[in-house]
Amino acid sequence: MPELLNDLPISNNIKSALQEAEGPLDKLLMFVRTHERGSLTIMPNSSSVPDINQAFVTATDWAATTLETIN
C-alpha cells in the first residue's frame, strides 16, 4: 500500500486512513467498507440510507471516469 500511495496525488489524511486506519477519515473509510459489503451497521447520524447510496454511486462514477482519463 505505501508504494501505491506514494505516487498518488492524495492528502496525508487519506493516506493515513488507508495505510494505518488512523486520522480523521478513518471512521468514514470504515463506513464505506461496511457499505460496500452491504451491511449498514455503522451509520452516520446525519445521513439517510438513500442519501448514502446516492453518494456512493456518485463517487463510484467519479472514480470510473477518473480512471478512464489516466489509462
Protein backbone atom coordinates (compact mmCIF):
# COMPACT_ATOMS: atom_id res chain seq x y z
CA MET A 1 0.00 0.00 0.00
CA PRO A 2 2.71 2.58 0.80
CA GLU A 3 4.32 2.14 -2.62
CA LEU A 4 0.98 2.59 -4.36
CA LEU A 5 0.02 5.65 -2.35
CA ASN A 6 3.37 7.42 -2.74
CA ASP A 7 2.68 8.22 -6.39
CA LEU A 8 -0.95 9.27 -5.98
CA PRO A 9 -1.90 12.92 -5.51
CA ILE A 10 -3.97 12.40 -2.36
CA SER A 11 -3.84 14.05 1.04
CA ASN A 12 -1.93 12.72 4.01
CA ASN A 13 -5.26 12.26 5.83
CA ILE A 14 -6.42 9.83 3.15
CA LYS A 15 -3.06 8.04 3.13
CA SER A 16 -3.19 7.70 6.91
CA ALA A 17 -6.70 6.24 6.83
CA LEU A 18 -5.79 3.75 4.11
CA GLN A 19 -2.43 2.68 5.50
CA GLU A 20 -2.80 2.87 9.26
CA ALA A 21 -6.55 3.09 9.93
CA GLU A 22 -5.90 6.38 11.71
CA GLY A 23 -6.79 10.02 11.39
CA PRO A 24 -9.98 11.99 10.83
CA LEU A 25 -11.05 9.97 7.78
CA ASP A 26 -10.68 6.52 9.34
CA LYS A 27 -14.31 6.32 10.55
CA LEU A 28 -15.56 7.41 7.13
CA LEU A 29 -13.39 4.76 5.45
CA MET A 30 -14.74 2.12 7.85
CA PHE A 31 -18.28 3.18 6.93
CA VAL A 32 -17.53 2.97 3.19
CA ARG A 33 -16.07 -0.51 3.57
CA THR A 34 -19.13 -1.58 5.56
CA HIS A 35 -21.43 -0.13 2.88
CA GLU A 36 -19.52 -1.96 0.13
CA ARG A 37 -20.21 -5.24 1.93
CA GLY A 38 -23.92 -4.41 2.06
CA SER A 39 -24.02 -4.03 5.82
CA LEU A 40 -25.05 -0.62 7.12
CA THR A 41 -24.47 -1.37 10.79
CA ILE A 42 -22.36 1.77 11.13
CA MET A 43 -24.47 4.75 10.17
CA PRO A 44 -23.61 8.45 10.28
CA ASN A 45 -26.20 10.32 12.34
CA SER A 46 -26.87 12.98 9.73
CA SER A 47 -27.45 10.73 6.71
CA SER A 48 -30.22 8.53 5.38
CA VAL A 49 -29.70 5.26 3.52
CA PRO A 50 -30.90 6.72 0.17
CA ASP A 51 -28.54 9.70 0.57
CA ILE A 52 -25.64 7.38 1.35
CA ASN A 53 -26.45 5.12 -1.58
CA GLN A 54 -26.59 8.12 -3.93
CA ALA A 55 -23.26 9.44 -2.63
CA PHE A 56 -21.73 6.00 -3.15
CA VAL A 57 -22.99 5.80 -6.75
CA THR A 58 -21.75 9.33 -7.46
CA ALA A 59 -18.32 8.55 -6.02
CA THR A 60 -18.10 5.29 -7.96
CA ASP A 61 -18.99 7.06 -11.21
CA TRP A 62 -16.38 9.74 -10.49
CA ALA A 63 -13.74 7.10 -9.79
CA ALA A 64 -14.53 5.23 -13.01
CA THR A 65 -14.40 8.42 -15.08
CA THR A 66 -11.13 9.47 -13.45
CA LEU A 67 -9.61 6.04 -14.03
CA GLU A 68 -10.54 6.23 -17.72
CA THR A 69 -8.69 9.51 -18.07
CA ILE A 70 -5.43 8.11 -16.68
CA ASN A 71 -5.45 4.86 -18.64
